[in-house]
Amino acid sequence: QLQLVESGGGLVQPGGSLRLSCAASGFTLDRHAIGWFRQAPGKEREGVSCIGGSTGTTNYVDSVKGRFTISRDNAKSTVSLQMNSLKPEDTAVYYCNINVPFGALKGEYWGQGTQVTVSS
C-alpha cells in the first residue's frame, strides 16, 4: 500500500525558512507528479505547487512564486518544498498528493499533513 508522509513543518518567524519533505512508503515518486496543498482553518484546501513526473516541470500558486521551490531529492524517493521568506499568511497544514493513473497502486493518495505556523 502506498503511503505518503510529510515532515518538516514547525513554528517559524516571519521571514524565516522551512523545508518540507514528502516521502513515499512502498513506492518511488520519481515517475509521478507530486503536488503540495495547504489548508488553513476555515478555508478551502488550495494547491501550492506541483512537480511533474515524466516532465519535471514545476508550477506555483502566485502567492508563493519566488519564495517556494519544489524539487526532488537526489535519491528520487522524496519531494521537498523549500519555503523561504515565510509570511503569516503561509500558516496552514501542508499536504502532499500523488495521483497514480495506472497499475496495482492506481488511485489518489494524500499524506497526513504537516503543520506550518509563521508567527512572531
N, C-alpha and C. Protein backbone atom coordinates (compact mmCIF):
# COMPACT_ATOMS: atom_id res chain seq x y z
N GLN A 1 0.85 -1.19 0.00
CA GLN A 1 0.00 0.00 0.00
C GLN A 1 0.88 1.24 0.00
N LEU A 2 0.60 2.12 -0.90
CA LEU A 2 1.35 3.36 -0.99
C LEU A 2 0.93 4.30 0.13
N GLN A 3 1.91 4.83 0.82
CA GLN A 3 1.65 5.81 1.86
C GLN A 3 2.59 6.99 1.68
N LEU A 4 2.09 8.17 1.97
CA LEU A 4 2.86 9.38 1.90
C LEU A 4 2.96 9.99 3.29
N VAL A 5 4.14 10.47 3.62
CA VAL A 5 4.37 11.07 4.92
C VAL A 5 5.06 12.41 4.73
N GLU A 6 4.42 13.46 5.22
CA GLU A 6 5.02 14.78 5.19
C GLU A 6 5.77 15.04 6.49
N SER A 7 6.81 15.82 6.38
CA SER A 7 7.57 16.22 7.55
C SER A 7 8.22 17.57 7.29
N GLY A 8 8.74 18.17 8.34
CA GLY A 8 9.47 19.41 8.21
C GLY A 8 8.73 20.65 8.67
N GLY A 9 7.48 20.49 9.01
CA GLY A 9 6.73 21.64 9.49
C GLY A 9 7.18 22.07 10.87
N GLY A 10 6.71 23.23 11.26
CA GLY A 10 7.07 23.74 12.56
C GLY A 10 6.68 25.19 12.71
N LEU A 11 7.20 25.80 13.74
CA LEU A 11 6.96 27.20 14.03
C LEU A 11 8.16 28.02 13.60
N VAL A 12 7.91 29.04 12.82
CA VAL A 12 8.98 29.88 12.31
C VAL A 12 8.53 31.33 12.32
N GLN A 13 9.48 32.24 12.50
CA GLN A 13 9.16 33.65 12.48
C GLN A 13 8.99 34.15 11.05
N PRO A 14 8.22 35.22 10.87
CA PRO A 14 8.11 35.79 9.53
C PRO A 14 9.48 36.09 8.94
N GLY A 15 9.63 35.76 7.68
CA GLY A 15 10.91 35.92 7.01
C GLY A 15 11.80 34.70 7.09
N GLY A 16 11.43 33.75 7.91
CA GLY A 16 12.21 32.55 8.07
C GLY A 16 11.95 31.54 6.98
N SER A 17 12.58 30.38 7.14
CA SER A 17 12.50 29.33 6.13
C SER A 17 12.19 27.99 6.76
N LEU A 18 11.54 27.16 5.99
CA LEU A 18 11.30 25.77 6.33
C LEU A 18 11.43 24.94 5.08
N ARG A 19 11.78 23.70 5.27
CA ARG A 19 11.85 22.76 4.15
C ARG A 19 10.97 21.57 4.47
N LEU A 20 9.93 21.39 3.69
CA LEU A 20 9.03 20.27 3.86
C LEU A 20 9.47 19.11 2.98
N SER A 21 9.17 17.92 3.43
CA SER A 21 9.51 16.73 2.67
C SER A 21 8.31 15.81 2.59
N CYS A 22 8.14 15.20 1.45
CA CYS A 22 7.10 14.20 1.24
C CYS A 22 7.80 12.91 0.85
N ALA A 23 7.67 11.90 1.68
CA ALA A 23 8.33 10.63 1.46
C ALA A 23 7.30 9.54 1.19
N ALA A 24 7.63 8.67 0.27
CA ALA A 24 6.75 7.57 -0.09
C ALA A 24 7.20 6.29 0.58
N SER A 25 6.23 5.50 1.00
CA SER A 25 6.48 4.18 1.55
C SER A 25 5.94 3.14 0.58
N GLY A 26 6.80 2.23 0.16
CA GLY A 26 6.38 1.19 -0.75
C GLY A 26 6.24 1.62 -2.19
N PHE A 27 6.85 2.73 -2.52
CA PHE A 27 6.71 3.28 -3.85
C PHE A 27 7.80 4.31 -4.07
N THR A 28 8.12 4.54 -5.32
CA THR A 28 9.04 5.60 -5.67
C THR A 28 8.26 6.71 -6.36
N LEU A 29 8.68 7.93 -6.12
CA LEU A 29 7.94 9.08 -6.58
C LEU A 29 8.45 9.68 -7.88
N ASP A 30 9.56 9.21 -8.35
CA ASP A 30 10.24 9.90 -9.44
C ASP A 30 9.49 9.88 -10.75
N ARG A 31 8.58 8.94 -10.93
CA ARG A 31 7.88 8.84 -12.20
C ARG A 31 6.48 9.42 -12.16
N HIS A 32 6.13 10.04 -11.07
CA HIS A 32 4.78 10.56 -10.93
C HIS A 32 4.79 12.01 -10.47
N ALA A 33 3.77 12.72 -10.90
CA ALA A 33 3.62 14.09 -10.47
C ALA A 33 3.24 14.16 -9.00
N ILE A 34 3.78 15.13 -8.32
CA ILE A 34 3.51 15.35 -6.90
C ILE A 34 3.02 16.77 -6.71
N GLY A 35 2.01 16.93 -5.91
CA GLY A 35 1.50 18.24 -5.60
C GLY A 35 1.55 18.53 -4.12
N TRP A 36 1.80 19.77 -3.78
CA TRP A 36 1.71 20.26 -2.42
C TRP A 36 0.46 21.12 -2.30
N PHE A 37 -0.31 20.86 -1.28
CA PHE A 37 -1.51 21.62 -0.98
C PHE A 37 -1.42 22.14 0.45
N ARG A 38 -2.22 23.11 0.74
CA ARG A 38 -2.27 23.59 2.11
C ARG A 38 -3.70 24.00 2.46
N GLN A 39 -4.00 23.93 3.73
CA GLN A 39 -5.33 24.29 4.20
C GLN A 39 -5.22 24.99 5.54
N ALA A 40 -5.72 26.20 5.58
CA ALA A 40 -5.78 26.97 6.80
C ALA A 40 -7.16 26.78 7.43
N PRO A 41 -7.27 26.97 8.74
CA PRO A 41 -8.56 26.80 9.40
C PRO A 41 -9.65 27.66 8.76
N GLY A 42 -10.77 27.04 8.47
CA GLY A 42 -11.89 27.75 7.90
C GLY A 42 -11.77 28.06 6.43
N LYS A 43 -10.72 27.59 5.79
CA LYS A 43 -10.52 27.86 4.38
C LYS A 43 -10.43 26.56 3.60
N GLU A 44 -10.68 26.68 2.31
CA GLU A 44 -10.58 25.52 1.44
C GLU A 44 -9.12 25.17 1.20
N ARG A 45 -8.91 23.90 0.94
CA ARG A 45 -7.58 23.46 0.58
C ARG A 45 -7.20 24.03 -0.78
N GLU A 46 -6.00 24.55 -0.88
CA GLU A 46 -5.55 25.13 -2.13
C GLU A 46 -4.25 24.48 -2.58
N GLY A 47 -4.09 24.43 -3.87
CA GLY A 47 -2.85 23.95 -4.42
C GLY A 47 -1.76 24.98 -4.27
N VAL A 48 -0.59 24.54 -3.87
CA VAL A 48 0.55 25.43 -3.66
C VAL A 48 1.57 25.27 -4.77
N SER A 49 1.94 24.04 -5.05
CA SER A 49 2.97 23.78 -6.02
C SER A 49 2.87 22.35 -6.50
N CYS A 50 3.37 22.10 -7.67
CA CYS A 50 3.42 20.74 -8.18
C CYS A 50 4.64 20.57 -9.05
N ILE A 51 5.08 19.33 -9.15
CA ILE A 51 6.21 19.00 -9.99
C ILE A 51 5.83 17.78 -10.82
N GLY A 52 6.13 17.83 -12.09
CA GLY A 52 5.78 16.74 -12.98
C GLY A 52 6.62 15.51 -12.73
N GLY A 53 6.05 14.37 -13.12
CA GLY A 53 6.78 13.12 -13.00
C GLY A 53 7.69 12.90 -14.18
N SER A 54 7.11 12.73 -15.34
CA SER A 54 7.90 12.48 -16.53
C SER A 54 8.57 13.74 -17.07
N THR A 55 7.97 14.87 -16.84
CA THR A 55 8.48 16.12 -17.40
C THR A 55 9.37 16.89 -16.44
N GLY A 56 9.10 16.81 -15.15
CA GLY A 56 9.85 17.57 -14.18
C GLY A 56 9.50 19.04 -14.13
N THR A 57 8.48 19.42 -14.85
CA THR A 57 8.07 20.82 -14.84
C THR A 57 7.45 21.17 -13.50
N THR A 58 7.54 22.42 -13.15
CA THR A 58 7.03 22.89 -11.87
C THR A 58 6.04 24.02 -12.06
N ASN A 59 5.12 24.12 -11.11
CA ASN A 59 4.15 25.19 -11.10
C ASN A 59 3.94 25.65 -9.67
N TYR A 60 3.58 26.92 -9.54
CA TYR A 60 3.37 27.51 -8.23
C TYR A 60 2.16 28.43 -8.25
N VAL A 61 1.47 28.45 -7.15
CA VAL A 61 0.42 29.44 -7.00
C VAL A 61 1.08 30.82 -6.89
N ASP A 62 0.41 31.84 -7.38
CA ASP A 62 1.02 33.15 -7.47
C ASP A 62 1.55 33.66 -6.12
N SER A 63 0.86 33.34 -5.06
CA SER A 63 1.22 33.87 -3.76
C SER A 63 2.56 33.35 -3.23
N VAL A 64 3.09 32.28 -3.81
CA VAL A 64 4.35 31.73 -3.32
C VAL A 64 5.46 31.81 -4.35
N LYS A 65 5.17 32.28 -5.53
CA LYS A 65 6.19 32.37 -6.56
C LYS A 65 7.35 33.24 -6.10
N GLY A 66 8.55 32.75 -6.34
CA GLY A 66 9.74 33.46 -5.92
C GLY A 66 10.16 33.18 -4.51
N ARG A 67 9.31 32.53 -3.74
CA ARG A 67 9.62 32.21 -2.35
C ARG A 67 9.73 30.71 -2.10
N PHE A 68 8.91 29.93 -2.78
CA PHE A 68 8.89 28.48 -2.60
C PHE A 68 9.52 27.79 -3.80
N THR A 69 10.16 26.67 -3.55
CA THR A 69 10.75 25.87 -4.60
C THR A 69 10.45 24.40 -4.36
N ILE A 70 9.87 23.75 -5.33
CA ILE A 70 9.60 22.32 -5.24
C ILE A 70 10.68 21.57 -6.00
N SER A 71 11.09 20.44 -5.46
CA SER A 71 12.14 19.66 -6.10
C SER A 71 12.11 18.23 -5.61
N ARG A 72 12.79 17.39 -6.34
CA ARG A 72 13.02 16.01 -5.93
C ARG A 72 14.43 15.89 -5.38
N ASP A 73 14.60 15.05 -4.37
CA ASP A 73 15.94 14.89 -3.84
C ASP A 73 16.77 13.98 -4.74
N ASN A 74 18.04 13.84 -4.42
CA ASN A 74 18.94 13.09 -5.27
C ASN A 74 18.57 11.62 -5.39
N ALA A 75 17.96 11.07 -4.37
CA ALA A 75 17.58 9.66 -4.38
C ALA A 75 16.25 9.41 -5.10
N LYS A 76 15.56 10.46 -5.45
CA LYS A 76 14.27 10.37 -6.14
C LYS A 76 13.22 9.64 -5.32
N SER A 77 13.41 9.65 -4.03
CA SER A 77 12.45 9.00 -3.15
C SER A 77 11.58 9.98 -2.37
N THR A 78 11.95 11.24 -2.41
CA THR A 78 11.17 12.26 -1.72
C THR A 78 11.04 13.48 -2.60
N VAL A 79 10.04 14.25 -2.31
CA VAL A 79 9.83 15.55 -2.94
C VAL A 79 9.78 16.59 -1.84
N SER A 80 10.52 17.65 -2.02
CA SER A 80 10.61 18.67 -1.00
C SER A 80 9.97 19.96 -1.46
N LEU A 81 9.65 20.78 -0.49
CA LEU A 81 9.15 22.12 -0.75
C LEU A 81 9.96 23.06 0.13
N GLN A 82 10.88 23.77 -0.49
CA GLN A 82 11.67 24.76 0.22
C GLN A 82 10.88 26.05 0.29
N MET A 83 10.66 26.53 1.49
CA MET A 83 9.85 27.71 1.71
C MET A 83 10.70 28.78 2.36
N ASN A 84 10.91 29.86 1.64
CA ASN A 84 11.69 30.98 2.13
C ASN A 84 10.81 32.21 2.28
N SER A 85 11.32 33.17 3.02
CA SER A 85 10.60 34.42 3.23
C SER A 85 9.16 34.18 3.65
N LEU A 86 9.00 33.32 4.61
CA LEU A 86 7.67 32.92 5.03
C LEU A 86 6.89 34.08 5.63
N LYS A 87 5.61 34.06 5.37
CA LYS A 87 4.69 35.07 5.84
C LYS A 87 3.63 34.43 6.73
N PRO A 88 3.02 35.21 7.61
CA PRO A 88 1.93 34.65 8.42
C PRO A 88 0.83 34.03 7.57
N GLU A 89 0.61 34.56 6.39
CA GLU A 89 -0.42 34.03 5.51
C GLU A 89 -0.10 32.62 5.02
N ASP A 90 1.13 32.18 5.18
CA ASP A 90 1.51 30.83 4.79
C ASP A 90 1.14 29.80 5.84
N THR A 91 0.68 30.24 6.98
CA THR A 91 0.30 29.32 8.05
C THR A 91 -0.83 28.40 7.59
N ALA A 92 -0.59 27.11 7.68
CA ALA A 92 -1.57 26.13 7.23
C ALA A 92 -1.02 24.74 7.50
N VAL A 93 -1.87 23.76 7.31
CA VAL A 93 -1.41 22.38 7.25
C VAL A 93 -1.08 22.08 5.81
N TYR A 94 0.10 21.58 5.58
CA TYR A 94 0.57 21.30 4.23
C TYR A 94 0.50 19.80 3.96
N TYR A 95 -0.04 19.45 2.81
CA TYR A 95 -0.22 18.07 2.41
C TYR A 95 0.45 17.82 1.07
N CYS A 96 0.97 16.63 0.90
CA CYS A 96 1.42 16.22 -0.42
C CYS A 96 0.42 15.25 -1.00
N ASN A 97 0.38 15.22 -2.31
CA ASN A 97 -0.60 14.43 -3.03
C ASN A 97 0.04 13.79 -4.24
N ILE A 98 -0.37 12.56 -4.51
CA ILE A 98 0.08 11.88 -5.72
C ILE A 98 -1.10 11.17 -6.34
N ASN A 99 -1.20 11.27 -7.63
CA ASN A 99 -2.21 10.54 -8.39
C ASN A 99 -1.51 9.51 -9.25
N VAL A 100 -1.80 8.24 -8.99
CA VAL A 100 -1.22 7.15 -9.74
C VAL A 100 -2.25 6.68 -10.76
N PRO A 101 -2.03 6.94 -12.04
CA PRO A 101 -3.07 6.65 -13.03
C PRO A 101 -3.20 5.20 -13.44
N PHE A 102 -2.15 4.42 -13.28
CA PHE A 102 -2.17 3.05 -13.76
C PHE A 102 -1.54 2.11 -12.75
N GLY A 103 -1.81 0.81 -12.98
CA GLY A 103 -1.16 -0.23 -12.21
C GLY A 103 -1.89 -0.62 -10.95
N ALA A 104 -1.24 -1.49 -10.20
CA ALA A 104 -1.84 -2.03 -8.99
C ALA A 104 -2.09 -0.96 -7.94
N LEU A 105 -1.32 0.11 -7.98
CA LEU A 105 -1.45 1.17 -6.99
C LEU A 105 -2.27 2.34 -7.51
N LYS A 106 -3.02 2.12 -8.57
CA LYS A 106 -3.82 3.19 -9.14
C LYS A 106 -4.71 3.82 -8.08
N GLY A 107 -4.69 5.14 -8.05
CA GLY A 107 -5.51 5.86 -7.10
C GLY A 107 -4.87 7.18 -6.71
N GLU A 108 -5.56 7.89 -5.85
CA GLU A 108 -5.08 9.17 -5.34
C GLU A 108 -4.70 9.01 -3.88
N TYR A 109 -3.57 9.57 -3.51
CA TYR A 109 -3.03 9.41 -2.17
C TYR A 109 -2.69 10.76 -1.56
N TRP A 110 -2.93 10.85 -0.27
CA TRP A 110 -2.62 12.05 0.50
C TRP A 110 -1.83 11.67 1.73
N GLY A 111 -0.92 12.53 2.10
CA GLY A 111 -0.25 12.37 3.37
C GLY A 111 -1.12 12.87 4.50
N GLN A 112 -0.60 12.75 5.71
CA GLN A 112 -1.36 13.15 6.89
C GLN A 112 -1.30 14.65 7.15
N GLY A 113 -0.37 15.31 6.51
CA GLY A 113 -0.21 16.74 6.67
C GLY A 113 0.83 17.10 7.72
N THR A 114 1.43 18.25 7.53
CA THR A 114 2.38 18.78 8.49
C THR A 114 2.06 20.26 8.72
N GLN A 115 2.06 20.65 9.97
CA GLN A 115 1.65 22.00 10.34
C GLN A 115 2.79 22.98 10.15
N VAL A 116 2.50 24.07 9.48
CA VAL A 116 3.42 25.18 9.33
C VAL A 116 2.78 26.40 9.97
N THR A 117 3.47 26.97 10.93
CA THR A 117 2.98 28.15 11.61
C THR A 117 4.02 29.25 11.51
N VAL A 118 3.63 30.36 10.95
CA VAL A 118 4.52 31.51 10.78
C VAL A 118 4.01 32.61 11.69
N SER A 119 4.76 32.87 12.73
CA SER A 119 4.32 33.84 13.73
C SER A 119 5.52 34.34 14.51
N SER A 120 5.44 35.57 14.95
CA SER A 120 6.48 36.14 15.78
C SER A 120 6.18 35.95 17.25
